[in-house]
PDB file of N, CA and C in Angstrom:
ATOM      1  N   MET A   1      -5.736  -3.496  -8.346  1.00  0.00           N
ATOM      2  CA  MET A   1      -6.118  -2.761  -6.848  1.00  0.00           C
ATOM      3  C   MET A   1      -7.056  -3.298  -5.602  1.00  0.00           C
ATOM      4  N   ILE A   2      -6.873  -3.155  -4.293  1.00  0.00           N
ATOM      5  CA  ILE A   2      -7.381  -3.868  -3.555  1.00  0.00           C
ATOM      6  C   ILE A   2      -8.379  -2.476  -2.863  1.00  0.00           C
ATOM      7  N   SER A   3      -9.843  -2.437  -2.212  1.00  0.00           N
ATOM      8  CA  SER A   3     -10.324  -1.812  -1.502  1.00  0.00           C
ATOM      9  C   SER A   3     -11.857  -2.220  -1.734  1.00  0.00           C
ATOM     10  N   GLY A   4     -12.735  -1.424  -0.704  1.00  0.00           N
ATOM     11  CA  GLY A   4     -13.951  -2.426  -0.529  1.00  0.00           C
ATOM     12  C   GLY A   4     -14.797  -1.503   0.709  1.00  0.00           C
ATOM     13  N   PRO A   5     -15.633  -2.569   1.079  1.00  0.00           N
ATOM     14  CA  PRO A   5     -17.041  -1.447   2.315  1.00  0.00           C
ATOM     15  C   PRO A   5     -15.514  -1.295   3.458  1.00  0.00           C
ATOM     16  N   ASP A   6     -14.774  -2.082   3.524  1.00  0.00           N
ATOM     17  CA  ASP A   6     -14.088  -2.348   5.639  1.00  0.00           C
ATOM     18  C   ASP A   6     -13.026  -1.614   4.726  1.00  0.00           C
ATOM     19  N   THR A   7     -12.787  -0.442   3.698  1.00  0.00           N
ATOM     20  CA  THR A   7     -11.323   0.322   3.387  1.00  0.00           C
ATOM     21  C   THR A   7     -12.237   1.516   3.524  1.00  0.00           C
ATOM     22  N   HIS A   8     -13.761   1.632   4.173  1.00  0.00           N
ATOM     23  CA  HIS A   8     -14.602   3.108   4.360  1.00  0.00           C
ATOM     24  C   HIS A   8     -13.586   3.723   6.021  1.00  0.00           C
ATOM     25  N   ARG A   9     -13.162   5.140   5.597  1.00  0.00           N
ATOM     26  CA  ARG A   9     -12.591   5.740   6.984  1.00  0.00           C
ATOM     27  C   ARG A   9     -13.452   7.029   7.599  1.00  0.00           C
ATOM     28  N   ARG A  10     -13.505   7.361   7.790  1.00  0.00           N
ATOM     29  CA  ARG A  10     -13.904   8.676   8.602  1.00  0.00           C
ATOM     30  C   ARG A  10     -12.591  10.113   9.051  1.00  0.00           C
ATOM     31  N   SER A  11     -12.441  10.884   8.919  1.00  0.00           N
ATOM     32  CA  SER A  11     -11.146  11.580   9.645  1.00  0.00           C
ATOM     33  C   SER A  11     -11.854  12.069  10.648  1.00  0.00           C
ATOM     34  N   PRO A  12     -10.808  13.004  11.440  1.00  0.00           N
ATOM     35  CA  PRO A  12     -11.264  13.611  12.518  1.00  0.00           C
ATOM     36  C   PRO A  12     -13.035  14.771  12.265  1.00  0.00           C
ATOM     37  N   ASN A  13     -12.094  15.503  11.112  1.00  0.00           N
ATOM     38  CA  ASN A  13     -12.765  16.439  10.495  1.00  0.00           C
ATOM     39  C   ASN A  13     -13.820  15.919  10.023  1.00  0.00           C
ATOM     40  N   GLY A  14     -14.423  14.874   9.925  1.00  0.00           N
ATOM     41  CA  GLY A  14     -15.821  14.346   8.823  1.00  0.00           C
ATOM     42  C   GLY A  14     -15.558  14.093   7.837  1.00  0.00           C
ATOM     43  N   ASP A  15     -14.506  14.480   7.080  1.00  0.00           N
ATOM     44  CA  ASP A  15     -14.309  14.082   5.507  1.00  0.00           C
ATOM     45  C   ASP A  15     -14.289  11.841   5.369  1.00  0.00           C
ATOM     46  N   GLU A  16     -14.926  11.775   4.893  1.00  0.00           N
ATOM     47  CA  GLU A  16     -14.856  10.168   4.262  1.00  0.00           C
ATOM     48  C   GLU A  16     -13.738   9.941   3.137  1.00  0.00           C
ATOM     49  N   PHE A  17     -13.357   8.709   2.927  1.00  0.00           N
ATOM     50  CA  PHE A  17     -12.519   8.123   2.435  1.00  0.00           C
ATOM     51  C   PHE A  17     -12.549   6.797   2.400  1.00  0.00           C
ATOM     52  N   TYR A  18     -12.106   6.204   0.872  1.00  0.00           N
ATOM     53  CA  TYR A  18     -12.007   4.728   0.987  1.00  0.00           C
ATOM     54  C   TYR A  18      -9.999   4.617   0.831  1.00  0.00           C
ATOM     55  N   THR A  19      -9.573   3.909   1.308  1.00  0.00           N
ATOM     56  CA  THR A  19      -8.475   3.731   1.075  1.00  0.00           C
ATOM     57  C   THR A  19      -8.501   2.307   0.342  1.00  0.00           C
ATOM     58  N   TYR A  20      -7.224   2.661  -0.820  1.00  0.00           N
ATOM     59  CA  TYR A  20      -6.695   1.874  -1.226  1.00  0.00           C
ATOM     60  C   TYR A  20      -5.644   1.603  -1.640  1.00  0.00           C
ATOM     61  N   THR A  21      -4.941  -0.341  -1.962  1.00  0.00           N
ATOM     62  CA  THR A  21      -3.418  -0.522  -2.604  1.00  0.00           C
ATOM     63  C   THR A  21      -3.696  -0.786  -3.766  1.00  0.00           C
ATOM     64  N   ALA A  22      -2.102  -0.257  -4.404  1.00  0.00           N
ATOM     65  CA  ALA A  22      -2.465  -0.856  -5.890  1.00  0.00           C
ATOM     66  C   ALA A  22      -0.622  -1.317  -5.997  1.00  0.00           C
ATOM     67  N   LEU A  23      -1.364  -3.252  -6.116  1.00  0.00           N
ATOM     68  CA  LEU A  23      -0.145  -3.589  -5.741  1.00  0.00           C
ATOM     69  C   LEU A  23       0.081  -4.158  -7.561  1.00  0.00           C
ATOM     70  N   TYR A  24       1.619  -3.736  -7.751  1.00  0.00           N
ATOM     71  CA  TYR A  24       2.434  -3.726  -8.356  1.00  0.00           C
ATOM     72  C   TYR A  24       3.531  -5.307  -8.794  1.00  0.00           C
ATOM     73  N   ARG A  25       3.547  -6.466  -9.285  1.00  0.00           N
ATOM     74  CA  ARG A  25       4.971  -7.209  -9.523  1.00  0.00           C
ATOM     75  C   ARG A  25       6.191  -6.132 -10.235  1.00  0.00           C
ATOM     76  N   VAL A  26       7.257  -6.648  -9.546  1.00  0.00           N
ATOM     77  CA  VAL A  26       8.226  -6.273 -10.355  1.00  0.00           C
ATOM     78  C   VAL A  26       9.040  -7.019 -10.397  1.00  0.00           C
ATOM     79  N   THR A  27       9.593  -7.057 -11.950  1.00  0.00           N
ATOM     80  CA  THR A  27      10.208  -8.023 -12.068  1.00  0.00           C
ATOM     81  C   THR A  27      12.263  -7.738 -12.291  1.00  0.00           C
ATOM     82  N   ALA A  28      11.587  -6.594 -12.474  1.00  0.00           N
ATOM     83  CA  ALA A  28      13.667  -6.093 -12.873  1.00  0.00           C
ATOM     84  C   ALA A  28      13.592  -4.730 -12.519  1.00  0.00           C
ATOM     85  N   TRP A  29      14.381  -3.732 -11.848  1.00  0.00           N
ATOM     86  CA  TRP A  29      15.183  -2.671 -11.388  1.00  0.00           C
ATOM     87  C   TRP A  29      15.928  -1.926 -11.268  1.00  0.00           C
ATOM     88  N   SER A  30      15.735  -1.202 -11.651  1.00  0.00           N
ATOM     89  CA  SER A  30      17.816  -0.770 -11.274  1.00  0.00           C
ATOM     90  C   SER A  30      17.390   1.113 -10.887  1.00  0.00           C
ATOM     91  N   GLY A  31      18.573   1.181 -10.102  1.00  0.00           N
ATOM     92  CA  GLY A  31      17.759   2.669  -9.239  1.00  0.00           C
ATOM     93  C   GLY A  31      17.489   2.519  -7.873  1.00  0.00           C
ATOM     94  N   THR A  32      17.076   3.593  -7.009  1.00  0.00           N
ATOM     95  CA  THR A  32      16.570   4.232  -6.145  1.00  0.00           C
ATOM     96  C   THR A  32      15.177   4.471  -6.495  1.00  0.00           C
ATOM     97  N   PRO A  33      14.083   3.364  -5.882  1.00  0.00           N
ATOM     98  CA  PRO A  33      12.214   4.870  -6.251  1.00  0.00           C
ATOM     99  C   PRO A  33      12.574   6.127  -5.094  1.00  0.00           C
ATOM    100  N   GLU A  34      12.265   6.968  -5.850  1.00  0.00           N
ATOM    101  CA  GLU A  34      12.170   8.279  -4.976  1.00  0.00           C
ATOM    102  C   GLU A  34      10.608   8.897  -4.800  1.00  0.00           C
ATOM    103  N   PRO A  35      10.445   8.420  -3.540  1.00  0.00           N
ATOM    104  CA  PRO A  35       9.071   9.725  -3.609  1.00  0.00           C
ATOM    105  C   PRO A  35       9.190  10.839  -4.293  1.00  0.00           C
ATOM    106  N   ASP A  36       7.945  11.589  -4.474  1.00  0.00           N
ATOM    107  CA  ASP A  36       7.515  12.315  -5.189  1.00  0.00           C
ATOM    108  C   ASP A  36       7.083  13.423  -4.230  1.00  0.00           C
ATOM    109  N   SER A  37       6.785  13.376  -2.590  1.00  0.00           N
ATOM    110  CA  SER A  37       6.764  14.330  -1.841  1.00  0.00           C
ATOM    111  C   SER A  37       4.726  14.729  -1.880  1.00  0.00           C
ATOM    112  N   VAL A  38       4.794  15.003  -2.842  1.00  0.00           N
ATOM    113  CA  VAL A  38       3.417  15.065  -2.809  1.00  0.00           C
ATOM    114  C   VAL A  38       2.024  13.777  -2.341  1.00  0.00           C
ATOM    115  N   GLU A  39       2.049  12.964  -3.080  1.00  0.00           N
ATOM    116  CA  GLU A  39       1.537  11.637  -3.041  1.00  0.00           C
ATOM    117  C   GLU A  39       2.606  10.509  -2.223  1.00  0.00           C
ATOM    118  N   PHE A  40       3.765  10.175  -1.546  1.00  0.00           N
ATOM    119  CA  PHE A  40       4.046   9.339  -1.380  1.00  0.00           C
ATOM    120  C   PHE A  40       5.794  10.299  -0.811  1.00  0.00           C
ATOM    121  N   ALA A  41       5.025   9.846   0.596  1.00  0.00           N
ATOM    122  CA  ALA A  41       6.283  10.138   1.374  1.00  0.00           C
ATOM    123  C   ALA A  41       7.316   9.144   1.592  1.00  0.00           C
ATOM    124  N   ALA A  42       7.019   8.092   1.059  1.00  0.00           N
ATOM    125  CA  ALA A  42       8.505   6.864   1.449  1.00  0.00           C
ATOM    126  C   ALA A  42       8.358   6.391   0.035  1.00  0.00           C
ATOM    127  N   LEU A  43       9.124   5.655  -0.681  1.00  0.00           N
ATOM    128  CA  LEU A  43       8.858   4.163  -1.790  1.00  0.00           C
ATOM    129  C   LEU A  43       9.547   3.504  -1.176  1.00  0.00           C
ATOM    130  N   ALA A  44       9.613   2.193  -0.961  1.00  0.00           N
ATOM    131  CA  ALA A  44      11.508   1.169  -1.069  1.00  0.00           C
ATOM    132  C   ALA A  44       9.986  -0.016  -1.387  1.00  0.00           C
ATOM    133  N   PHE A  45      11.091  -1.221  -2.133  1.00  0.00           N
ATOM    134  CA  PHE A  45      10.945  -2.142  -3.388  1.00  0.00           C
ATOM    135  C   PHE A  45      10.994  -3.642  -1.320  1.00  0.00           C
ATOM    136  N   PHE A  46      10.195  -4.383  -1.552  1.00  0.00           N
ATOM    137  CA  PHE A  46      10.491  -5.491  -0.162  1.00  0.00           C
ATOM    138  C   PHE A  46       9.780  -6.821  -1.035  1.00  0.00           C
ATOM    139  N   ASP A  47      11.339  -7.757  -0.924  1.00  0.00           N
ATOM    140  CA  ASP A  47      10.815  -9.690  -1.025  1.00  0.00           C
ATOM    141  C   ASP A  47      10.404  -9.622  -0.016  1.00  0.00           C
ATOM    142  N   ARG A  48       9.551 -10.986  -0.748  1.00  0.00           N
ATOM    143  CA  ARG A  48       8.711 -11.559   0.369  1.00  0.00           C
ATOM    144  C   ARG A  48       9.691 -11.383   1.721  1.00  0.00           C
ATOM    145  N   ALA A  49      10.584 -12.255   2.157  1.00  0.00           N
ATOM    146  CA  ALA A  49      10.896 -12.131   2.881  1.00  0.00           C
ATOM    147  C   ALA A  49      11.072 -11.294   4.156  1.00  0.00           C
ATOM    148  N   THR A  50      11.284 -10.375   4.016  1.00  0.00           N
ATOM    149  CA  THR A  50      11.943  -9.320   4.430  1.00  0.00           C
ATOM    150  C   THR A  50      10.750  -8.063   4.989  1.00  0.00           C
ATOM    151  N   LEU A  51       9.476  -8.430   3.927  1.00  0.00           N
ATOM    152  CA  LEU A  51       8.533  -7.889   4.596  1.00  0.00           C
ATOM    153  C   LEU A  51       8.082  -7.185   5.158  1.00  0.00           C
ATOM    154  N   PRO A  52       7.867  -5.896   5.593  1.00  0.00           N
ATOM    155  CA  PRO A  52       7.147  -5.325   7.243  1.00  0.00           C
ATOM    156  C   PRO A  52       6.516  -5.895   7.836  1.00  0.00           C
ATOM    157  N   THR A  53       5.823  -5.463   8.914  1.00  0.00           N
ATOM    158  CA  THR A  53       4.671  -6.437   9.060  1.00  0.00           C
ATOM    159  C   THR A  53       3.100  -5.450   8.635  1.00  0.00           C
ATOM    160  N   LEU A  54       2.137  -6.228   8.545  1.00  0.00           N
ATOM    161  CA  LEU A  54       1.368  -5.257   7.357  1.00  0.00           C
ATOM    162  C   LEU A  54       0.114  -5.156   8.620  1.00  0.00           C
ATOM    163  N   GLY A  55      -0.655  -3.886   8.370  1.00  0.00           N
ATOM    164  CA  GLY A  55      -1.872  -3.700   9.416  1.00  0.00           C
ATOM    165  C   GLY A  55      -2.878  -3.146   8.219  1.00  0.00           C
ATOM    166  N   GLY A  56      -3.608  -3.049   9.093  1.00  0.00           N
ATOM    167  CA  GLY A  56      -5.096  -2.839   8.100  1.00  0.00           C
ATOM    168  C   GLY A  56      -5.940  -3.841   7.087  1.00  0.00           C
ATOM    169  N   PRO A  57      -7.260  -3.423   6.703  1.00  0.00           N
ATOM    170  CA  PRO A  57      -7.474  -4.503   5.818  1.00  0.00           C
ATOM    171  C   PRO A  57      -6.945  -4.491   4.082  1.00  0.00           C
ATOM    172  N   VAL A  58      -6.675  -3.021   4.355  1.00  0.00           N
ATOM    173  CA  VAL A  58      -5.785  -3.617   2.678  1.00  0.00           C
ATOM    174  C   VAL A  58      -4.824  -3.844   2.558  1.00  0.00           C
ATOM    175  N   THR A  59      -3.188  -3.232   2.958  1.00  0.00           N
ATOM    176  CA  THR A  59      -2.501  -4.052   3.124  1.00  0.00           C
ATOM    177  C   THR A  59      -2.639  -5.707   4.057  1.00  0.00           C
ATOM    178  N   ARG A  60      -3.079  -5.519   4.540  1.00  0.00           N
ATOM    179  CA  ARG A  60      -3.307  -7.201   4.857  1.00  0.00           C
ATOM    180  C   ARG A  60      -3.939  -8.455   3.164  1.00  0.00           C
ATOM    181  N   ARG A  61      -4.772  -7.475   2.974  1.00  0.00           N
ATOM    182  CA  ARG A  61      -5.073  -8.363   1.342  1.00  0.00           C
ATOM    183  C   ARG A  61      -4.262  -8.179   0.918  1.00  0.00           C
ATOM    184  N   ALA A  62      -3.228  -7.269   0.856  1.00  0.00           N
ATOM    185  CA  ALA A  62      -2.442  -7.096  -0.230  1.00  0.00           C
ATOM    186  C   ALA A  62      -1.783  -7.897  -0.444  1.00  0.00           C
ATOM    187  N   ALA A  63      -1.076  -8.551   1.162  1.00  0.00           N
ATOM    188  CA  ALA A  63      -0.537  -9.557   1.344  1.00  0.00           C
ATOM    189  C   ALA A  63      -0.448 -10.748   1.160  1.00  0.00           C
ATOM    190  N   GLU A  64      -2.111 -10.582   1.101  1.00  0.00           N
ATOM    191  CA  GLU A  64      -2.540 -12.031   0.933  1.00  0.00           C
ATOM    192  C   GLU A  64      -2.953 -12.271  -0.573  1.00  0.00           C
ATOM    193  N   ALA A  65      -2.825 -11.352  -2.011  1.00  0.00           N
ATOM    194  CA  ALA A  65      -2.876 -11.537  -2.664  1.00  0.00           C
ATOM    195  C   ALA A  65      -1.389 -11.795  -3.279  1.00  0.00           C
ATOM    196  N   ASN A  66      -0.342 -11.769  -2.401  1.00  0.00           N
ATOM    197  CA  ASN A  66       0.881 -12.210  -3.368  1.00  0.00           C
ATOM    198  C   ASN A  66       1.552 -12.604  -2.623  1.00  0.00           C
ATOM    199  N   ALA A  67       0.487 -13.688  -2.183  1.00  0.00           N
ATOM    200  CA  ALA A  67       1.586 -14.982  -1.498  1.00  0.00           C
ATOM    201  C   ALA A  67       1.758 -15.708  -2.208  1.00  0.00           C
TER     202      ALA A  67
END
């Protein structure tokens, strides 16, 4: 899991929270990942060559950890 002081955020209404990313290495999968529409709006798998551009401290560190 990736988190830390640089992931602290404050929303416009004043709520404070930390973002985090859980990394999973998938070596085999069949079917299509389905979001639950509660915690995930979208799910997708990418190989390293086709990863979309990642921004923010959590996703940057996740990409670096997976290099």
